[in-house]
PDB file of N, CA and C in Angstrom:
ATOM      1  N   MET A   1      77.564 114.837 149.553  1.00  0.00           N
ATOM      2  CA  MET A   1      78.848 115.338 149.141  1.00  0.00           C
ATOM      3  C   MET A   1      79.976 114.436 149.640  1.00  0.00           C
ATOM      4  N   GLN A   2      79.801 113.856 150.812  1.00  0.00           N
ATOM      5  CA  GLN A   2      80.819 112.969 151.366  1.00  0.00           C
ATOM      6  C   GLN A   2      81.004 111.725 150.488  1.00  0.00           C
ATOM      7  N   ALA A   3      79.923 111.267 149.853  1.00  0.00           N
ATOM      8  CA  ALA A   3      80.019 110.102 148.974  1.00  0.00           C
ATOM      9  C   ALA A   3      80.886 110.406 147.758  1.00  0.00           C
ATOM     10  N   LEU A   4      80.847 111.642 147.264  1.00  0.00           N
ATOM     11  CA  LEU A   4      81.686 112.024 146.138  1.00  0.00           C
ATOM     12  C   LEU A   4      83.155 112.064 146.537  1.00  0.00           C
ATOM     13  N   VAL A   5      83.438 112.573 147.709  1.00  0.00           N
ATOM     14  CA  VAL A   5      84.812 112.719 148.161  1.00  0.00           C
ATOM     15  C   VAL A   5      85.439 111.360 148.454  1.00  0.00           C
ATOM     16  N   SER A   6      84.684 110.459 149.063  1.00  0.00           N
ATOM     17  CA  SER A   6      85.236 109.170 149.473  1.00  0.00           C
ATOM     18  C   SER A   6      84.971 108.048 148.457  1.00  0.00           C
ATOM     19  N   PHE A   7      84.423 108.362 147.291  1.00  0.00           N
ATOM     20  CA  PHE A   7      84.187 107.414 146.207  1.00  0.00           C
ATOM     21  C   PHE A   7      83.293 106.250 146.613  1.00  0.00           C
ATOM     22  N   TYR A   8      82.239 106.509 147.357  1.00  0.00           N
ATOM     23  CA  TYR A   8      81.259 105.479 147.687  1.00  0.00           C
ATOM     24  C   TYR A   8      80.262 105.351 146.542  1.00  0.00           C
ATOM     25  N   GLY A   9      79.703 104.194 146.399  1.00  0.00           N
ATOM     26  CA  GLY A   9      78.680 103.992 145.395  1.00  0.00           C
ATOM     27  C   GLY A   9      79.256 103.738 144.013  1.00  0.00           C
ATOM     28  N   PRO A  10      78.485 104.026 142.963  1.00  0.00           N
ATOM     29  CA  PRO A  10      78.906 103.702 141.602  1.00  0.00           C
ATOM     30  C   PRO A  10      79.830 104.739 140.967  1.00  0.00           C
ATOM     31  N   LEU A  11      80.252 105.738 141.710  1.00  0.00           N
ATOM     32  CA  LEU A  11      81.056 106.809 141.122  1.00  0.00           C
ATOM     33  C   LEU A  11      82.375 106.323 140.516  1.00  0.00           C
ATOM     34  N   PRO A  12      83.139 105.421 141.153  1.00  0.00           N
ATOM     35  CA  PRO A  12      84.376 104.947 140.508  1.00  0.00           C
ATOM     36  C   PRO A  12      84.125 104.265 139.175  1.00  0.00           C
ATOM     37  N   ALA A  13      83.038 103.521 139.052  1.00  0.00           N
ATOM     38  CA  ALA A  13      82.724 102.869 137.780  1.00  0.00           C
ATOM     39  C   ALA A  13      82.417 103.892 136.698  1.00  0.00           C
ATOM     40  N   VAL A  14      81.765 104.976 137.065  1.00  0.00           N
ATOM     41  CA  VAL A  14      81.476 106.037 136.098  1.00  0.00           C
ATOM     42  C   VAL A  14      82.777 106.692 135.641  1.00  0.00           C
ATOM     43  N   PHE A  15      83.689 106.937 136.569  1.00  0.00           N
ATOM     44  CA  PHE A  15      84.974 107.526 136.201  1.00  0.00           C
ATOM     45  C   PHE A  15      85.765 106.613 135.269  1.00  0.00           C
ATOM     46  N   ILE A  16      85.736 105.311 135.531  1.00  0.00           N
ATOM     47  CA  ILE A  16      86.449 104.366 134.662  1.00  0.00           C
ATOM     48  C   ILE A  16      85.838 104.366 133.268  1.00  0.00           C
ATOM     49  N   GLY A  17      84.509 104.367 133.185  1.00  0.00           N
ATOM     50  CA  GLY A  17      83.846 104.389 131.884  1.00  0.00           C
ATOM     51  C   GLY A  17      84.147 105.645 131.096  1.00  0.00           C
ATOM     52  N   LEU A  18      84.121 106.790 131.757  1.00  0.00           N
ATOM     53  CA  LEU A  18      84.424 108.043 131.070  1.00  0.00           C
ATOM     54  C   LEU A  18      85.900 108.123 130.686  1.00  0.00           C
ATOM     55  N   SER A  19      86.770 107.574 131.526  1.00  0.00           N
ATOM     56  CA  SER A  19      88.196 107.565 131.205  1.00  0.00           C
ATOM     57  C   SER A  19      88.472 106.698 129.983  1.00  0.00           C
ATOM     58  N   PHE A  20      87.779 105.575 129.872  1.00  0.00           N
ATOM     59  CA  PHE A  20      87.929 104.726 128.692  1.00  0.00           C
ATOM     60  C   PHE A  20      87.532 105.489 127.435  1.00  0.00           C
ATOM     61  N   ASN A  21      86.396 106.162 127.492  1.00  0.00           N
ATOM     62  CA  ASN A  21      85.937 106.909 126.319  1.00  0.00           C
ATOM     63  C   ASN A  21      86.889 108.045 125.982  1.00  0.00           C
ATOM     64  N   LEU A  22      87.422 108.707 126.982  1.00  0.00           N
ATOM     65  CA  LEU A  22      88.389 109.767 126.734  1.00  0.00           C
ATOM     66  C   LEU A  22      89.644 109.202 126.077  1.00  0.00           C
ATOM     67  N   GLY A  23      90.106 108.050 126.547  1.00  0.00           N
ATOM     68  CA  GLY A  23      91.277 107.415 125.949  1.00  0.00           C
ATOM     69  C   GLY A  23      91.040 107.007 124.502  1.00  0.00           C
ATOM     70  N   VAL A  24      89.862 106.522 124.191  1.00  0.00           N
ATOM     71  CA  VAL A  24      89.545 106.134 122.817  1.00  0.00           C
ATOM     72  C   VAL A  24      89.492 107.363 121.912  1.00  0.00           C
ATOM     73  N   VAL A  25      88.958 108.464 122.414  1.00  0.00           N
ATOM     74  CA  VAL A  25      88.921 109.697 121.619  1.00  0.00           C
ATOM     75  C   VAL A  25      90.342 110.186 121.356  1.00  0.00           C
ATOM     76  N   VAL A  26      91.212 110.145 122.359  1.00  0.00           N
ATOM     77  CA  VAL A  26      92.608 110.561 122.162  1.00  0.00           C
ATOM     78  C   VAL A  26      93.296 109.641 121.153  1.00  0.00           C
ATOM     79  N   LEU A  27      93.040 108.342 121.228  1.00  0.00           N
ATOM     80  CA  LEU A  27      93.583 107.397 120.253  1.00  0.00           C
ATOM     81  C   LEU A  27      93.106 107.724 118.844  1.00  0.00           C
ATOM     82  N   ALA A  28      91.831 108.028 118.707  1.00  0.00           N
ATOM     83  CA  ALA A  28      91.277 108.348 117.393  1.00  0.00           C
ATOM     84  C   ALA A  28      91.870 109.646 116.844  1.00  0.00           C
ATOM     85  N   ILE A  29      92.051 110.642 117.700  1.00  0.00           N
ATOM     86  CA  ILE A  29      92.647 111.911 117.253  1.00  0.00           C
ATOM     87  C   ILE A  29      94.090 111.684 116.816  1.00  0.00           C
ATOM     88  N   GLY A  30      94.841 110.909 117.593  1.00  0.00           N
ATOM     89  CA  GLY A  30      96.229 110.623 117.227  1.00  0.00           C
ATOM     90  C   GLY A  30      96.336 109.869 115.919  1.00  0.00           C
ATOM     91  N   SER A  31      95.471 108.891 115.714  1.00  0.00           N
ATOM     92  CA  SER A  31      95.514 108.144 114.457  1.00  0.00           C
ATOM     93  C   SER A  31      95.004 108.976 113.290  1.00  0.00           C
ATOM     94  N   PHE A  32      94.131 109.929 113.555  1.00  0.00           N
ATOM     95  CA  PHE A  32      93.661 110.830 112.497  1.00  0.00           C
ATOM     96  C   PHE A  32      94.790 111.749 112.045  1.00  0.00           C
ATOM     97  N   ILE A  33      95.523 112.278 113.007  1.00  0.00           N
ATOM     98  CA  ILE A  33      96.601 113.217 112.677  1.00  0.00           C
ATOM     99  C   ILE A  33      97.755 112.498 111.970  1.00  0.00           C
ATOM    100  N   THR A  34      98.136 111.325 112.454  1.00  0.00           N
ATOM    101  CA  THR A  34      99.266 110.611 111.858  1.00  0.00           C
ATOM    102  C   THR A  34      98.884 109.795 110.628  1.00  0.00           C
ATOM    103  N   ARG A  35      97.609 109.686 110.354  1.00  0.00           N
ATOM    104  CA  ARG A  35      97.103 108.897 109.227  1.00  0.00           C
ATOM    105  C   ARG A  35      97.557 107.449 109.293  1.00  0.00           C
ATOM    106  N   ALA A  36      97.614 106.917 110.502  1.00  0.00           N
ATOM    107  CA  ALA A  36      97.991 105.515 110.683  1.00  0.00           C
ATOM    108  C   ALA A  36      96.905 104.584 110.169  1.00  0.00           C
ATOM    109  N   ILE A  37      95.678 105.030 110.208  1.00  0.00           N
ATOM    110  CA  ILE A  37      94.536 104.286 109.687  1.00  0.00           C
ATOM    111  C   ILE A  37      93.735 105.260 108.828  1.00  0.00           C
ATOM    112  N   PRO A  38      92.818 104.765 108.007  1.00  0.00           N
ATOM    113  CA  PRO A  38      92.018 105.692 107.197  1.00  0.00           C
ATOM    114  C   PRO A  38      91.284 106.703 108.073  1.00  0.00           C
ATOM    115  N   ARG A  39      91.167 107.910 107.562  1.00  0.00           N
ATOM    116  CA  ARG A  39      90.577 108.981 108.364  1.00  0.00           C
ATOM    117  C   ARG A  39      89.130 108.706 108.727  1.00  0.00           C
ATOM    118  N   TRP A  40      88.383 108.065 107.841  1.00  0.00           N
ATOM    119  CA  TRP A  40      86.985 107.791 108.171  1.00  0.00           C
ATOM    120  C   TRP A  40      86.889 106.834 109.350  1.00  0.00           C
ATOM    121  N   THR A  41      87.884 105.952 109.473  1.00  0.00           N
ATOM    122  CA  THR A  41      87.880 105.021 110.596  1.00  0.00           C
ATOM    123  C   THR A  41      88.137 105.758 111.903  1.00  0.00           C
ATOM    124  N   SER A  42      89.061 106.719 111.871  1.00  0.00           N
ATOM    125  CA  SER A  42      89.343 107.518 113.069  1.00  0.00           C
ATOM    126  C   SER A  42      88.115 108.302 113.501  1.00  0.00           C
ATOM    127  N   VAL A  43      87.433 108.892 112.535  1.00  0.00           N
ATOM    128  CA  VAL A  43      86.228 109.661 112.853  1.00  0.00           C
ATOM    129  C   VAL A  43      85.146 108.742 113.409  1.00  0.00           C
ATOM    130  N   LEU A  44      85.010 107.556 112.832  1.00  0.00           N
ATOM    131  CA  LEU A  44      84.007 106.601 113.308  1.00  0.00           C
ATOM    132  C   LEU A  44      84.310 106.136 114.736  1.00  0.00           C
ATOM    133  N   ILE A  45      85.571 105.895 115.041  1.00  0.00           N
ATOM    134  CA  ILE A  45      85.943 105.458 116.385  1.00  0.00           C
ATOM    135  C   ILE A  45      85.667 106.563 117.402  1.00  0.00           C
ATOM    136  N   ALA A  46      86.044 107.795 117.082  1.00  0.00           N
ATOM    137  CA  ALA A  46      85.796 108.903 118.008  1.00  0.00           C
ATOM    138  C   ALA A  46      84.297 109.140 118.182  1.00  0.00           C
ATOM    139  N   GLY A  47      83.561 109.104 117.095  1.00  0.00           N
ATOM    140  CA  GLY A  47      82.117 109.314 117.180  1.00  0.00           C
ATOM    141  C   GLY A  47      81.415 108.225 117.965  1.00  0.00           C
ATOM    142  N   SER A  48      81.844 106.979 117.764  1.00  0.00           N
ATOM    143  CA  SER A  48      81.209 105.888 118.499  1.00  0.00           C
ATOM    144  C   SER A  48      81.513 105.973 119.989  1.00  0.00           C
ATOM    145  N   SER A  49      82.677 106.467 120.337  1.00  0.00           N
ATOM    146  CA  SER A  49      83.000 106.634 121.748  1.00  0.00           C
ATOM    147  C   SER A  49      82.094 107.677 122.389  1.00  0.00           C
ATOM    148  N   LEU A  50      81.818 108.737 121.662  1.00  0.00           N
ATOM    149  CA  LEU A  50      80.916 109.762 122.191  1.00  0.00           C
ATOM    150  C   LEU A  50      79.481 109.248 122.271  1.00  0.00           C
ATOM    151  N   VAL A  51      79.074 108.435 121.309  1.00  0.00           N
ATOM    152  CA  VAL A  51      77.733 107.859 121.350  1.00  0.00           C
ATOM    153  C   VAL A  51      77.609 106.878 122.516  1.00  0.00           C
ATOM    154  N   LEU A  52      78.701 106.179 122.841  1.00  0.00           N
ATOM    155  CA  LEU A  52      78.670 105.245 123.967  1.00  0.00           C
ATOM    156  C   LEU A  52      78.410 105.956 125.291  1.00  0.00           C
ATOM    157  N   ILE A  53      78.820 107.208 125.395  1.00  0.00           N
ATOM    158  CA  ILE A  53      78.509 107.966 126.610  1.00  0.00           C
ATOM    159  C   ILE A  53      77.001 108.126 126.740  1.00  0.00           C
ATOM    160  N   GLY A  54      76.322 108.305 125.631  1.00  0.00           N
ATOM    161  CA  GLY A  54      74.868 108.380 125.650  1.00  0.00           C
ATOM    162  C   GLY A  54      74.220 107.067 126.026  1.00  0.00           C
ATOM    163  N   GLY A  55      74.966 105.963 125.927  1.00  0.00           N
ATOM    164  CA  GLY A  55      74.441 104.670 126.315  1.00  0.00           C
ATOM    165  C   GLY A  55      74.166 104.560 127.800  1.00  0.00           C
ATOM    166  N   VAL A  56      74.704 105.483 128.579  1.00  0.00           N
ATOM    167  CA  VAL A  56      74.406 105.508 130.009  1.00  0.00           C
ATOM    168  C   VAL A  56      72.925 105.808 130.229  1.00  0.00           C
ATOM    169  N   PHE A  57      72.343 106.589 129.344  1.00  0.00           N
ATOM    170  CA  PHE A  57      70.963 107.027 129.498  1.00  0.00           C
ATOM    171  C   PHE A  57      69.966 106.189 128.717  1.00  0.00           C
ATOM    172  N   SER A  58      70.416 105.523 127.667  1.00  0.00           N
ATOM    173  CA  SER A  58      69.486 104.772 126.822  1.00  0.00           C
ATOM    174  C   SER A  58      70.190 103.544 126.251  1.00  0.00           C
ATOM    175  N   ASN A  59      69.577 102.382 126.407  1.00  0.00           N
ATOM    176  CA  ASN A  59      70.172 101.149 125.893  1.00  0.00           C
ATOM    177  C   ASN A  59      70.285 101.118 124.372  1.00  0.00           C
ATOM    178  N   PRO A  60      69.283 101.567 123.602  1.00  0.00           N
ATOM    179  CA  PRO A  60      69.447 101.556 122.142  1.00  0.00           C
ATOM    180  C   PRO A  60      70.583 102.455 121.669  1.00  0.00           C
ATOM    181  N   ILE A  61      70.795 103.567 122.331  1.00  0.00           N
ATOM    182  CA  ILE A  61      71.906 104.450 121.953  1.00  0.00           C
ATOM    183  C   ILE A  61      73.231 103.774 122.270  1.00  0.00           C
ATOM    184  N   GLY A  62      73.315 103.087 123.405  1.00  0.00           N
ATOM    185  CA  GLY A  62      74.525 102.344 123.742  1.00  0.00           C
ATOM    186  C   GLY A  62      74.806 101.228 122.757  1.00  0.00           C
ATOM    187  N   ALA A  63      73.767 100.542 122.303  1.00  0.00           N
ATOM    188  CA  ALA A  63      73.936  99.479 121.314  1.00  0.00           C
ATOM    189  C   ALA A  63      74.425 100.038 119.982  1.00  0.00           C
ATOM    190  N   LEU A  64      73.913 101.200 119.600  1.00  0.00           N
ATOM    191  CA  LEU A  64      74.379 101.848 118.372  1.00  0.00           C
ATOM    192  C   LEU A  64      75.852 102.226 118.487  1.00  0.00           C
ATOM    193  N   GLY A  65      76.233 102.796 119.627  1.00  0.00           N
ATOM    194  CA  GLY A  65      77.632 103.166 119.836  1.00  0.00           C
ATOM    195  C   GLY A  65      78.553 101.957 119.809  1.00  0.00           C
ATOM    196  N   ALA A  66      78.119 100.850 120.413  1.00  0.00           N
ATOM    197  CA  ALA A  66      78.935  99.636 120.412  1.00  0.00           C
ATOM    198  C   ALA A  66      79.070  99.064 119.003  1.00  0.00           C
ATOM    199  N   ALA A  67      77.989  99.116 118.224  1.00  0.00           N
ATOM    200  CA  ALA A  67      78.053  98.613 116.842  1.00  0.00           C
ATOM    201  C   ALA A  67      78.988  99.473 115.995  1.00  0.00           C
ATOM    202  N   LEU A  68      78.926 100.785 116.168  1.00  0.00           N
ATOM    203  CA  LEU A  68      79.827 101.669 115.421  1.00  0.00           C
ATOM    204  C   LEU A  68      81.279 101.440 115.813  1.00  0.00           C
ATOM    205  N   MET A  69      81.524 101.218 117.114  1.00  0.00           N
ATOM    206  CA  MET A  69      82.895 100.956 117.549  1.00  0.00           C
ATOM    207  C   MET A  69      83.383  99.613 117.026  1.00  0.00           C
ATOM    208  N   LEU A  70      82.501  98.629 116.933  1.00  0.00           N
ATOM    209  CA  LEU A  70      82.866  97.339 116.359  1.00  0.00           C
ATOM    210  C   LEU A  70      83.305  97.496 114.910  1.00  0.00           C
ATOM    211  N   VAL A  71      82.582  98.300 114.149  1.00  0.00           N
ATOM    212  CA  VAL A  71      82.949  98.516 112.746  1.00  0.00           C
ATOM    213  C   VAL A  71      84.290  99.248 112.659  1.00  0.00           C
ATOM    214  N   GLY A  72      84.464 100.295 113.457  1.00  0.00           N
ATOM    215  CA  GLY A  72      85.694 101.074 113.391  1.00  0.00           C
ATOM    216  C   GLY A  72      86.909 100.293 113.839  1.00  0.00           C
ATOM    217  N   LEU A  73      86.851  99.686 115.017  1.00  0.00           N
ATOM    218  CA  LEU A  73      88.000  98.930 115.515  1.00  0.00           C
ATOM    219  C   LEU A  73      88.182  97.618 114.771  1.00  0.00           C
ATOM    220  N   GLY A  74      87.091  97.039 114.277  1.00  0.00           N
ATOM    221  CA  GLY A  74      87.203  95.833 113.464  1.00  0.00           C
ATOM    222  C   GLY A  74      87.931  96.089 112.163  1.00  0.00           C
ATOM    223  N   THR A  75      87.696  97.251 111.564  1.00  0.00           N
ATOM    224  CA  THR A  75      88.410  97.634 110.347  1.00  0.00           C
ATOM    225  C   THR A  75      89.904  97.756 110.613  1.00  0.00           C
ATOM    226  N   VAL A  76      90.250  98.363 111.730  1.00  0.00           N
ATOM    227  CA  VAL A  76      91.664  98.495 112.091  1.00  0.00           C
ATOM    228  C   VAL A  76      92.282  97.112 112.299  1.00  0.00           C
ATOM    229  N   GLY A  77      91.574  96.230 112.992  1.00  0.00           N
ATOM    230  CA  GLY A  77      92.084  94.887 113.228  1.00  0.00           C
ATOM    231  C   GLY A  77      92.286  94.098 111.941  1.00  0.00           C
ATOM    232  N   LEU A  78      91.337  94.185 111.024  1.00  0.00           N
ATOM    233  CA  LEU A  78      91.480  93.469 109.753  1.00  0.00           C
ATOM    234  C   LEU A  78      92.646  94.009 108.936  1.00  0.00           C
ATOM    235  N   ARG A  79      92.834  95.329 108.953  1.00  0.00           N
ATOM    236  CA  ARG A  79      93.973  95.906 108.221  1.00  0.00           C
ATOM    237  C   ARG A  79      95.295  95.425 108.810  1.00  0.00           C
ATOM    238  N   LEU A  80      95.365  95.299 110.135  1.00  0.00           N
ATOM    239  CA  LEU A  80      96.600  94.824 110.758  1.00  0.00           C
ATOM    240  C   LEU A  80      96.847  93.347 110.453  1.00  0.00           C
ATOM    241  N   LEU A  81      95.783  92.552 110.408  1.00  0.00           N
ATOM    242  CA  LEU A  81      95.953  91.137 110.087  1.00  0.00           C
ATOM    243  C   LEU A  81      96.398  90.928 108.647  1.00  0.00           C
ATOM    244  N   LYS A  82      95.972  91.797 107.749  1.00  0.00           N
ATOM    245  CA  LYS A  82      96.327  91.661 106.343  1.00  0.00           C
ATOM    246  C   LYS A  82      97.636  92.358 105.991  1.00  0.00           C
ATOM    247  N   ALA A  83      98.239  93.066 106.947  1.00  0.00           N
ATOM    248  CA  ALA A  83      99.473  93.803 106.676  1.00  0.00           C
ATOM    249  C   ALA A  83     100.614  92.831 106.422  1.00  0.00           C
ATOM    250  N   PRO A  84     101.492  93.182 105.494  1.00  0.00           N
ATOM    251  CA  PRO A  84     102.639  92.303 105.241  1.00  0.00           C
ATOM    252  C   PRO A  84     103.626  92.358 106.407  1.00  0.00           C
ATOM    253  N   LEU A  85     104.373  91.278 106.554  1.00  0.00           N
ATOM    254  CA  LEU A  85     105.390  91.229 107.593  1.00  0.00           C
ATOM    255  C   LEU A  85     106.554  92.138 107.217  1.00  0.00           C
ATOM    256  N   LEU A  86     107.161  92.720 108.213  1.00  0.00           N
ATOM    257  CA  LEU A  86     108.351  93.520 107.975  1.00  0.00           C
ATOM    258  C   LEU A  86     109.536  92.582 107.741  1.00  0.00           C
ATOM    259  N   VAL A  87     110.413  92.970 106.834  1.00  0.00           N
ATOM    260  CA  VAL A  87     111.585  92.162 106.547  1.00  0.00           C
ATOM    261  C   VAL A  87     112.525  92.248 107.738  1.00  0.00           C
ATOM    262  N   GLY A  88     112.991  91.107 108.179  1.00  0.00           N
ATOM    263  CA  GLY A  88     113.926  91.075 109.303  1.00  0.00           C
ATOM    264  C   GLY A  88     113.248  91.032 110.652  1.00  0.00           C
ATOM    265  N   SER A  89     111.930  90.801 110.678  1.00  0.00           N
ATOM    266  CA  SER A  89     111.252  90.722 111.962  1.00  0.00           C
ATOM    267  C   SER A  89     111.607  89.392 112.625  1.00  0.00           C
ATOM    268  N   GLU A  90     111.560  89.378 113.934  1.00  0.00           N
ATOM    269  CA  GLU A  90     111.978  88.195 114.673  1.00  0.00           C
ATOM    270  C   GLU A  90     110.921  87.100 114.676  1.00  0.00           C
ATOM    271  N   THR A  91     109.668  87.468 114.508  1.00  0.00           N
ATOM    272  CA  THR A  91     108.605  86.464 114.494  1.00  0.00           C
ATOM    273  C   THR A  91     108.085  86.307 113.079  1.00  0.00           C
ATOM    274  N   ASP A  92     107.793  85.098 112.717  1.00  0.00           N
ATOM    275  CA  ASP A  92     107.266  84.804 111.388  1.00  0.00           C
ATOM    276  C   ASP A  92     105.895  84.186 111.506  1.00  0.00           C
ATOM    277  N   ARG A  93     105.011  84.590 110.609  1.00  0.00           N
ATOM    278  CA  ARG A  93     103.697  83.942 110.519  1.00  0.00           C
ATOM    279  C   ARG A  93     103.826  82.767 109.559  1.00  0.00           C
ATOM    280  N   GLU A  94     103.389  81.619 109.984  1.00  0.00           N
ATOM    281  CA  GLU A  94     103.494  80.460 109.094  1.00  0.00           C
ATOM    282  C   GLU A  94     102.152  79.841 108.880  1.00  0.00           C
TER     283      GLU A  94
END
């Protein structure tokens, strides 16, 4: 019990990993509600984050979760790269 209280061992790393997944789920919920990205992408990102938690117990499940997150976040990245520039923006792509 003392190891839990004083954060000895791998416990801080577990908290960081779970916090990352929680943050990704909150991001996916926010983007789902605001429709900033396609809804299927939001669902895929949230689902892959939950599958990544299962990667703690099994490497193939973790690999599946990482592949799903790559597809979801990669789709968001490609949409942002293809987005037109806003008129009057200070930076220009050349």
